[in-house]
Protein backbone atom coordinates (compact mmCIF):
# COMPACT_ATOMS: atom_id res chain seq x y z
CA MET A 1 4.13 5.09 19.47
CA SER A 2 3.30 8.76 18.95
CA ASN A 3 3.86 8.49 15.18
CA PHE A 4 1.55 5.49 15.10
CA ASN A 5 -1.19 7.45 16.86
CA THR A 6 -0.58 10.43 14.59
CA TYR A 7 -0.82 8.38 11.38
CA LEU A 8 -3.72 6.13 12.45
CA PRO A 9 -6.51 8.70 11.79
CA LEU A 10 -5.34 8.73 8.16
CA CYS A 11 -6.76 5.21 7.82
CA VAL A 12 -10.25 6.58 8.44
CA LEU A 13 -9.65 9.70 6.30
CA LYS A 14 -9.54 12.04 9.31
CA VAL A 15 -6.17 13.71 8.74
CA ASN A 16 -4.45 15.30 5.79
CA PRO A 17 -1.28 13.36 4.85
CA LEU A 18 0.49 16.69 4.32
CA ASP A 19 0.04 17.47 8.03
CA LEU A 20 1.75 14.28 9.19
CA PRO A 21 5.27 14.40 10.65
CA LYS A 22 8.33 13.41 8.63
CA SER A 23 10.19 10.52 10.24
CA ILE A 24 12.83 8.36 8.58
CA HIS A 25 12.75 5.97 11.55
CA PHE A 26 8.98 5.47 11.23
CA LEU A 27 9.38 5.02 7.46
CA LYS A 28 11.93 2.25 8.05
CA GLN A 29 9.61 0.52 10.52
CA ASN A 30 6.73 0.70 8.06
CA PHE A 31 8.94 -0.51 5.23
CA TRP A 32 10.03 -3.64 7.10
CA PHE A 33 6.53 -4.39 8.36
CA TYR A 34 5.14 -3.91 4.85
CA PHE A 35 7.83 -6.12 3.33
CA LEU A 36 7.41 -8.94 5.85
CA VAL A 37 3.60 -8.97 5.81
CA GLU A 38 3.49 -8.89 2.01
CA LEU A 39 6.05 -11.69 1.91
CA PHE A 40 3.95 -13.74 4.33
CA LEU A 41 0.81 -13.19 2.26
CA GLN A 42 2.51 -13.95 -1.05
CA ALA A 43 4.38 -17.00 0.28
CA ASN A 44 1.04 -18.52 1.27
CA MET A 45 -0.20 -18.21 -2.31
CA ILE A 46 2.86 -18.94 -4.46
CA ASP A 47 6.34 -20.47 -4.29
CA PRO A 48 8.44 -18.73 -1.57
CA SER A 49 11.29 -17.75 -3.91
CA GLU A 50 8.79 -16.36 -6.40
CA ALA A 51 7.02 -14.54 -3.56
CA PHE A 52 10.30 -12.98 -2.42
CA VAL A 53 11.03 -11.59 -5.90
CA GLU A 54 7.46 -10.35 -6.31
CA VAL A 55 7.48 -8.54 -2.97
CA ILE A 56 10.82 -6.88 -3.77
CA LEU A 57 9.42 -5.71 -7.11
CA GLU A 58 6.13 -4.59 -5.57
CA THR A 59 7.92 -2.59 -2.89
CA ALA A 60 10.34 -1.02 -5.38
CA LEU A 61 7.49 -0.11 -7.73
CA THR A 62 5.60 1.51 -4.85
CA PHE A 63 8.60 3.68 -3.99
CA ILE A 64 9.18 4.52 -7.67
CA PHE A 65 5.52 5.39 -8.34
CA VAL A 66 5.34 7.76 -5.39
CA GLY A 67 8.63 9.35 -6.45
CA ILE A 68 7.42 9.88 -10.02
CA VAL A 69 4.10 11.38 -8.89
CA LEU A 70 5.81 13.76 -6.48
CA PHE A 71 8.48 14.67 -9.05
CA LEU A 72 5.84 15.52 -11.66
CA ASN A 73 3.96 17.55 -9.05
CA ARG A 74 7.21 19.27 -7.97
CA THR A 75 6.70 18.20 -4.37
CA THR A 76 9.59 15.79 -3.86
CA HIS A 77 10.27 17.37 -0.46
CA LEU A 78 7.16 15.48 0.75
CA TYR A 79 8.51 12.06 -0.27
CA VAL A 80 9.22 10.70 3.22
CA GLN A 81 5.83 11.82 4.56
CA ILE A 82 3.85 10.45 1.64
CA ILE A 83 5.63 7.12 1.22
CA THR A 84 5.30 6.64 4.99
CA ALA A 85 1.58 7.46 4.79
CA ILE A 86 1.04 5.01 1.95
CA LEU A 87 3.03 2.22 3.59
CA PHE A 88 1.31 2.82 6.92
CA CYS A 89 -2.14 2.60 5.34
CA GLU A 90 -1.13 -0.51 3.41
CA ASN A 91 0.14 -2.00 6.68
CA VAL A 92 -3.09 -1.33 8.54
CA VAL A 93 -5.11 -2.93 5.74
CA ALA A 94 -2.67 -5.86 5.62
CA PHE A 95 -2.95 -6.27 9.40
CA PHE A 96 -6.66 -6.93 8.93
CA GLY A 97 -6.00 -8.85 5.72
CA VAL A 98 -3.80 -11.57 7.21
CA PRO A 99 -6.63 -13.23 9.18
CA VAL A 100 -8.93 -12.91 6.17
CA VAL A 101 -6.36 -14.62 3.92
CA VAL A 102 -6.03 -17.42 6.47
CA TRP A 103 -9.83 -17.66 6.58
CA LEU A 104 -9.94 -17.78 2.77
CA THR A 105 -7.33 -20.51 2.70
CA VAL A 106 -9.01 -22.65 5.33
CA SER A 107 -12.71 -22.35 4.57
CA GLU A 108 -13.38 -20.87 1.12
CA SER A 109 -16.40 -19.16 2.70
CA LEU A 110 -18.21 -16.62 0.52
CA LEU A 111 -18.20 -14.19 3.45
CA SER A 112 -14.39 -14.27 3.53
CA TYR A 113 -14.33 -13.13 -0.11
CA TYR A 114 -16.64 -10.23 0.78
CA PHE A 115 -14.31 -9.22 3.61
CA MET A 116 -11.30 -9.40 1.28
CA GLY A 117 -13.14 -7.29 -1.29
CA ALA A 118 -13.98 -4.72 1.40
CA LEU A 119 -10.32 -4.56 2.46
CA ILE A 120 -9.18 -4.06 -1.13
CA LEU A 121 -11.77 -1.31 -1.57
CA TRP A 122 -10.62 0.32 1.69
CA ASP A 123 -7.01 0.21 0.46
CA PHE A 124 -8.05 1.81 -2.83
CA VAL A 125 -9.99 4.56 -1.01
CA LEU A 126 -6.99 5.31 1.23
CA ILE A 127 -4.57 5.61 -1.69
CA THR A 128 -7.09 7.76 -3.58
CA PHE A 129 -7.48 10.04 -0.55
CA ILE A 130 -3.71 10.42 -0.07
CA LEU A 131 -3.08 11.18 -3.74
CA LYS A 132 -5.99 13.65 -3.88
CA LYS A 133 -4.62 15.60 -0.92
CA VAL A 134 -0.99 15.51 -2.06
CA ILE A 135 -1.47 16.39 -5.70
CA GLY A 136 -4.43 18.71 -5.13
CA ILE A 137 -6.64 17.22 -7.84
CA ASN A 138 -10.31 16.34 -8.02
CA PHE A 139 -11.77 13.03 -6.90
CA PHE A 140 -12.12 11.49 -10.36
CA ALA A 141 -8.50 12.26 -11.30
CA SER A 142 -7.25 10.80 -8.01
CA VAL A 143 -9.28 7.61 -8.67
CA VAL A 144 -7.62 7.28 -12.08
CA ILE A 145 -4.13 7.82 -10.64
CA SER A 146 -4.88 5.34 -7.83
CA PHE A 147 -5.94 2.81 -10.44
CA PHE A 148 -2.58 3.31 -12.17
CA TYR A 149 -0.84 2.93 -8.81
CA PHE A 150 -2.46 -0.46 -8.24
CA MET A 151 -1.83 -1.54 -11.81
CA MET A 152 1.83 -0.52 -11.64
CA THR A 153 2.61 -1.97 -8.22
CA TYR A 154 0.58 -5.15 -8.04
CA VAL A 155 0.00 -6.11 -11.67
CA GLY A 156 3.43 -4.77 -12.64
CA ALA A 157 5.18 -6.80 -9.94
CA TYR A 158 3.20 -9.91 -10.89
CA SER A 159 4.01 -9.46 -14.59
CA LEU A 160 7.70 -8.89 -13.96
CA THR A 161 7.81 -11.94 -11.70
CA LEU A 162 6.36 -14.02 -14.52
CA LEU A 163 9.36 -13.01 -16.63
CA PHE A 164 11.74 -14.45 -14.03
CA PHE A 165 9.87 -17.66 -13.20
């Protein structure tokens, strides 16, 4: 629970991801939570077998993107910390996103779309913050790299899934 409490302030931009502890065990927990929640969300929108493939691709692309960014920045020794930070933040957003997706599915209320948009924006801000701190670049550059992150992981996984199904 101590790692959870240590990582949680990251979700409100209160802690530098470089100052977070390195924990393979916490990474594994976040990986499985991320995988299962994403699978649940995707399986509610598309065919379950298609959702499974898309979540595998999305997860792999997330790990690959972080690895490439850290390799190019010559900071691969931070990989466990940073991938854990990203997965943890994605998990916190997804935790709040599951009820909103259910709300969207059940009611089609305009307010539910606003909440979903706010969660997506929050996710984007978190990834931008993490990349800015890790790479040591300005805000605009981190926004651009975050945009590429979302394009590679989500749009890339969706596009690759279309090739299989």
